[in-house]
């Protein structure tokens, strides 16, 4: 019992001990702790950026599809650029750009 006499009375307070235990539990051990919340928020921002990028790609692809369906010149241009097609009396020269160093 000598040990209990040296402990300050405010550390013996059951409400303080319960509150401190609750705060520590919520900060570190709970499945919805602060660190997991930060990770989830970062993941959310990454996914939102990815969503915007994919929406942009979808609109570009839809516009290209519309042009291919409605314009004969765009079909020829697409075939020449993507599939390297050419007419019978033409010569085709392919120039590759230098690879980027990353």
N, C-alpha and C. Protein backbone atom coordinates (compact mmCIF):
# COMPACT_ATOMS: atom_id res chain seq x y z
N UNK A 1 0.79 -1.20 0.00
CA UNK A 1 0.00 0.00 0.00
C UNK A 1 0.84 1.27 0.00
N UNK A 2 2.13 1.11 0.29
CA UNK A 2 3.00 2.28 0.28
C UNK A 2 3.09 2.89 -1.12
N UNK A 3 3.03 2.05 -2.16
CA UNK A 3 3.11 2.55 -3.52
C UNK A 3 1.94 3.46 -3.86
N UNK A 4 0.79 3.17 -3.39
CA UNK A 4 -0.39 3.99 -3.68
C UNK A 4 -0.35 5.34 -2.99
N UNK A 5 0.40 5.48 -1.98
CA UNK A 5 0.48 6.76 -1.30
C UNK A 5 1.37 7.75 -2.06
N UNK A 6 2.27 7.25 -2.91
CA UNK A 6 3.16 8.14 -3.66
C UNK A 6 2.55 8.58 -4.99
N UNK A 7 1.47 7.98 -5.42
CA UNK A 7 0.82 8.34 -6.68
C UNK A 7 -0.10 9.53 -6.42
N UNK A 8 0.02 10.57 -7.26
CA UNK A 8 -0.87 11.74 -7.07
C UNK A 8 -2.33 11.34 -7.21
N UNK A 9 -3.18 12.08 -6.58
CA UNK A 9 -4.60 11.72 -6.55
C UNK A 9 -5.25 11.89 -7.93
N UNK A 10 -4.77 12.82 -8.73
CA UNK A 10 -5.40 13.01 -10.05
C UNK A 10 -5.11 11.84 -10.98
N UNK A 11 -4.03 11.05 -10.71
CA UNK A 11 -3.76 9.84 -11.50
C UNK A 11 -4.61 8.66 -11.04
N UNK A 12 -5.19 8.77 -9.86
CA UNK A 12 -6.07 7.71 -9.36
C UNK A 12 -7.52 7.92 -9.81
N UNK A 13 -7.79 9.04 -10.43
CA UNK A 13 -9.15 9.38 -10.86
C UNK A 13 -9.61 8.39 -11.94
N UNK A 14 -10.70 7.70 -11.68
CA UNK A 14 -11.17 6.68 -12.62
C UNK A 14 -11.68 7.30 -13.92
N UNK A 15 -12.20 8.52 -13.88
CA UNK A 15 -12.69 9.18 -15.10
C UNK A 15 -11.53 9.59 -16.01
N UNK A 16 -10.48 10.06 -15.41
CA UNK A 16 -9.28 10.42 -16.17
C UNK A 16 -8.66 9.18 -16.81
N UNK A 17 -8.55 8.11 -16.05
CA UNK A 17 -7.97 6.87 -16.60
C UNK A 17 -8.84 6.31 -17.73
N UNK A 18 -10.14 6.32 -17.54
CA UNK A 18 -11.05 5.83 -18.57
C UNK A 18 -10.99 6.70 -19.82
N UNK A 19 -10.97 8.00 -19.63
CA UNK A 19 -10.88 8.92 -20.77
C UNK A 19 -9.57 8.76 -21.53
N UNK A 20 -8.47 8.63 -20.80
CA UNK A 20 -7.16 8.44 -21.44
C UNK A 20 -7.12 7.12 -22.21
N UNK A 21 -7.66 6.07 -21.60
CA UNK A 21 -7.71 4.78 -22.28
C UNK A 21 -8.55 4.88 -23.56
N UNK A 22 -9.68 5.57 -23.48
CA UNK A 22 -10.54 5.73 -24.65
C UNK A 22 -9.84 6.49 -25.77
N UNK A 23 -9.16 7.58 -25.43
CA UNK A 23 -8.46 8.38 -26.44
C UNK A 23 -7.35 7.56 -27.09
N UNK A 24 -6.57 6.86 -26.30
CA UNK A 24 -5.49 6.03 -26.85
C UNK A 24 -6.05 4.93 -27.74
N UNK A 25 -7.14 4.32 -27.31
CA UNK A 25 -7.77 3.27 -28.11
C UNK A 25 -8.26 3.82 -29.45
N UNK A 26 -8.91 4.97 -29.43
CA UNK A 26 -9.46 5.55 -30.66
C UNK A 26 -8.35 6.04 -31.60
N UNK A 27 -7.23 6.49 -31.05
CA UNK A 27 -6.16 6.99 -31.89
C UNK A 27 -5.34 5.88 -32.55
N UNK A 28 -5.14 4.77 -31.87
CA UNK A 28 -4.19 3.79 -32.35
C UNK A 28 -4.76 2.41 -32.66
N UNK A 29 -5.73 1.94 -31.91
CA UNK A 29 -6.15 0.55 -32.03
C UNK A 29 -7.48 0.34 -32.75
N UNK A 30 -8.28 1.35 -32.88
CA UNK A 30 -9.58 1.23 -33.53
C UNK A 30 -9.40 1.05 -35.04
N UNK A 31 -10.27 0.27 -35.71
CA UNK A 31 -10.14 0.11 -37.18
C UNK A 31 -10.29 1.43 -37.94
N UNK A 32 -10.91 2.41 -37.34
CA UNK A 32 -11.07 3.72 -37.99
C UNK A 32 -10.18 4.76 -37.32
N UNK A 33 -8.94 4.40 -37.07
CA UNK A 33 -8.02 5.32 -36.41
C UNK A 33 -7.57 6.42 -37.37
N UNK A 34 -6.84 7.36 -36.83
CA UNK A 34 -6.44 8.54 -37.59
C UNK A 34 -5.51 8.18 -38.76
N UNK A 35 -4.58 7.29 -38.54
CA UNK A 35 -3.61 6.94 -39.58
C UNK A 35 -4.30 6.26 -40.76
N UNK A 36 -5.22 5.36 -40.46
CA UNK A 36 -5.97 4.71 -41.54
C UNK A 36 -6.83 5.72 -42.29
N UNK A 37 -7.34 6.70 -41.58
CA UNK A 37 -8.15 7.73 -42.21
C UNK A 37 -7.31 8.54 -43.19
N UNK A 38 -6.08 8.89 -42.81
CA UNK A 38 -5.20 9.62 -43.72
C UNK A 38 -4.89 8.78 -44.96
N UNK A 39 -4.64 7.50 -44.78
CA UNK A 39 -4.36 6.62 -45.92
C UNK A 39 -5.57 6.54 -46.85
N UNK A 40 -6.76 6.43 -46.28
CA UNK A 40 -7.97 6.36 -47.09
C UNK A 40 -8.20 7.65 -47.86
N UNK A 41 -7.92 8.78 -47.23
CA UNK A 41 -8.09 10.06 -47.92
C UNK A 41 -7.10 10.19 -49.09
N UNK A 42 -5.87 9.76 -48.88
CA UNK A 42 -4.88 9.80 -49.97
C UNK A 42 -5.31 8.89 -51.12
N UNK A 43 -5.80 7.72 -50.79
CA UNK A 43 -6.27 6.79 -51.81
C UNK A 43 -7.46 7.39 -52.56
N UNK A 44 -8.34 8.09 -51.86
CA UNK A 44 -9.49 8.72 -52.48
C UNK A 44 -9.05 9.79 -53.48
N UNK A 45 -8.08 10.62 -53.11
CA UNK A 45 -7.61 11.65 -54.04
C UNK A 45 -6.95 11.03 -55.27
N UNK A 46 -6.19 9.95 -55.07
CA UNK A 46 -5.59 9.25 -56.21
C UNK A 46 -6.67 8.70 -57.14
N UNK A 47 -7.70 8.11 -56.58
CA UNK A 47 -8.78 7.55 -57.38
C UNK A 47 -9.57 8.64 -58.10
N UNK A 48 -9.75 9.78 -57.47
CA UNK A 48 -10.44 10.89 -58.12
C UNK A 48 -9.62 11.42 -59.30
N UNK A 49 -8.31 11.51 -59.14
CA UNK A 49 -7.45 11.93 -60.25
C UNK A 49 -7.52 10.92 -61.39
N UNK A 50 -7.50 9.65 -61.05
CA UNK A 50 -7.60 8.60 -62.05
C UNK A 50 -8.94 8.67 -62.77
N UNK A 51 -9.99 8.95 -62.03
CA UNK A 51 -11.32 9.05 -62.63
C UNK A 51 -11.38 10.19 -63.63
N UNK A 52 -10.81 11.34 -63.28
CA UNK A 52 -10.79 12.48 -64.20
C UNK A 52 -10.00 12.14 -65.46
N UNK A 53 -8.87 11.48 -65.29
CA UNK A 53 -8.05 11.10 -66.44
C UNK A 53 -8.82 10.14 -67.36
N UNK A 54 -9.48 9.17 -66.77
CA UNK A 54 -10.23 8.20 -67.57
C UNK A 54 -11.44 8.84 -68.25
N UNK A 55 -12.09 9.79 -67.59
CA UNK A 55 -13.20 10.50 -68.23
C UNK A 55 -12.71 11.29 -69.44
N UNK A 56 -11.54 11.89 -69.30
CA UNK A 56 -10.96 12.64 -70.42
C UNK A 56 -10.67 11.70 -71.59
N UNK A 57 -10.10 10.52 -71.29
CA UNK A 57 -9.83 9.55 -72.35
C UNK A 57 -11.12 9.07 -73.01
N UNK A 58 -12.16 8.89 -72.23
CA UNK A 58 -13.44 8.44 -72.79
C UNK A 58 -14.02 9.49 -73.72
N UNK A 59 -13.97 10.75 -73.35
CA UNK A 59 -14.51 11.79 -74.22
C UNK A 59 -13.70 11.90 -75.51
N UNK A 60 -12.37 11.78 -75.41
CA UNK A 60 -11.54 11.83 -76.62
C UNK A 60 -11.85 10.64 -77.53
N UNK A 61 -12.03 9.47 -76.96
CA UNK A 61 -12.33 8.28 -77.75
C UNK A 61 -13.70 8.39 -78.40
N UNK A 62 -14.68 8.91 -77.67
CA UNK A 62 -16.02 9.09 -78.25
C UNK A 62 -15.99 10.08 -79.40
N UNK A 63 -15.21 11.16 -79.25
CA UNK A 63 -15.09 12.15 -80.32
C UNK A 63 -14.42 11.51 -81.55
N UNK A 64 -13.41 10.73 -81.34
CA UNK A 64 -12.72 10.06 -82.44
C UNK A 64 -13.66 9.05 -83.12
N UNK A 65 -14.44 8.33 -82.34
CA UNK A 65 -15.40 7.38 -82.90
C UNK A 65 -16.46 8.10 -83.71
N UNK A 66 -16.92 9.23 -83.23
CA UNK A 66 -17.91 10.01 -83.98
C UNK A 66 -17.34 10.44 -85.33
N UNK A 67 -16.09 10.91 -85.31
CA UNK A 67 -15.46 11.33 -86.57
C UNK A 67 -15.29 10.14 -87.52
N UNK A 68 -14.92 8.98 -86.99
CA UNK A 68 -14.74 7.81 -87.84
C UNK A 68 -16.06 7.34 -88.44
N UNK A 69 -17.14 7.51 -87.72
CA UNK A 69 -18.44 7.08 -88.24
C UNK A 69 -19.00 8.05 -89.28
N UNK A 70 -18.65 9.32 -89.20
CA UNK A 70 -19.30 10.33 -90.02
C UNK A 70 -18.41 10.99 -91.07
N UNK A 71 -17.14 10.70 -91.10
CA UNK A 71 -16.25 11.41 -92.02
C UNK A 71 -15.30 10.42 -92.68
N UNK A 72 -15.37 10.33 -94.01
CA UNK A 72 -14.52 9.39 -94.75
C UNK A 72 -13.05 9.79 -94.68
N UNK A 73 -12.77 11.08 -94.67
CA UNK A 73 -11.38 11.53 -94.60
C UNK A 73 -10.74 11.15 -93.26
N UNK A 74 -11.53 11.19 -92.21
CA UNK A 74 -10.97 10.81 -90.92
C UNK A 74 -10.68 9.31 -90.86
N UNK A 75 -11.46 8.49 -91.57
CA UNK A 75 -11.18 7.06 -91.64
C UNK A 75 -9.85 6.82 -92.33
N UNK A 76 -9.62 7.51 -93.44
CA UNK A 76 -8.36 7.37 -94.16
C UNK A 76 -7.19 7.84 -93.30
N UNK A 77 -7.35 8.97 -92.65
CA UNK A 77 -6.30 9.51 -91.78
C UNK A 77 -5.99 8.53 -90.65
N UNK A 78 -7.02 7.98 -90.04
CA UNK A 78 -6.84 7.03 -88.94
C UNK A 78 -6.09 5.79 -89.42
N UNK A 79 -6.46 5.25 -90.59
CA UNK A 79 -5.80 4.07 -91.12
C UNK A 79 -4.34 4.36 -91.44
N UNK A 80 -4.06 5.52 -91.97
CA UNK A 80 -2.67 5.87 -92.30
C UNK A 80 -1.82 6.04 -91.05
N UNK A 81 -2.36 6.68 -90.01
CA UNK A 81 -1.58 6.95 -88.81
C UNK A 81 -1.44 5.73 -87.92
N UNK A 82 -2.52 5.03 -87.69
CA UNK A 82 -2.49 3.94 -86.71
C UNK A 82 -1.98 2.62 -87.30
N UNK A 83 -2.37 2.33 -88.52
CA UNK A 83 -2.04 1.03 -89.11
C UNK A 83 -1.00 1.13 -90.24
N UNK A 84 -0.46 2.32 -90.45
CA UNK A 84 0.60 2.57 -91.44
C UNK A 84 0.21 2.07 -92.83
N UNK A 85 -1.04 2.27 -93.19
CA UNK A 85 -1.51 1.88 -94.52
C UNK A 85 -1.15 2.97 -95.52
N UNK A 86 -1.06 2.56 -96.81
CA UNK A 86 -0.71 3.52 -97.85
C UNK A 86 -1.41 3.13 -99.14
N UNK A 87 -1.44 4.08 -100.05
CA UNK A 87 -2.02 3.80 -101.37
C UNK A 87 -0.99 3.05 -102.21
N UNK A 88 -1.43 2.48 -103.33
CA UNK A 88 -0.53 1.68 -104.15
C UNK A 88 0.62 2.49 -104.74
N UNK A 89 0.40 3.71 -105.10
CA UNK A 89 1.44 4.50 -105.76
C UNK A 89 2.20 5.41 -104.80
N UNK A 90 2.18 5.12 -103.53
CA UNK A 90 2.87 5.96 -102.54
C UNK A 90 4.04 5.21 -101.91
N UNK A 91 4.99 6.01 -101.44
CA UNK A 91 6.07 5.48 -100.61
C UNK A 91 5.84 5.95 -99.18
N UNK A 92 6.13 5.09 -98.24
CA UNK A 92 5.88 5.42 -96.84
C UNK A 92 7.21 5.49 -96.10
N UNK A 93 7.47 6.61 -95.47
CA UNK A 93 8.68 6.80 -94.68
C UNK A 93 8.26 6.95 -93.21
N UNK A 94 8.81 6.10 -92.35
CA UNK A 94 8.49 6.15 -90.94
C UNK A 94 9.67 6.74 -90.19
N UNK A 95 9.42 7.82 -89.44
CA UNK A 95 10.46 8.49 -88.67
C UNK A 95 10.11 8.33 -87.20
N UNK A 96 10.97 7.64 -86.47
CA UNK A 96 10.76 7.46 -85.02
C UNK A 96 11.49 8.54 -84.27
N UNK A 97 10.84 9.09 -83.26
CA UNK A 97 11.50 10.10 -82.44
C UNK A 97 12.41 9.39 -81.43
N UNK A 98 13.39 10.13 -80.94
CA UNK A 98 14.32 9.56 -79.96
C UNK A 98 13.58 9.26 -78.66
N UNK A 99 13.88 8.16 -78.01
CA UNK A 99 13.20 7.84 -76.74
C UNK A 99 13.59 8.83 -75.66
N UNK A 100 12.64 9.12 -74.79
CA UNK A 100 12.86 10.06 -73.70
C UNK A 100 13.60 9.36 -72.57
N UNK A 101 14.61 9.98 -72.02
CA UNK A 101 15.34 9.41 -70.88
C UNK A 101 14.64 9.82 -69.60
N UNK A 102 14.29 8.82 -68.79
CA UNK A 102 13.60 9.15 -67.53
C UNK A 102 14.41 8.65 -66.37
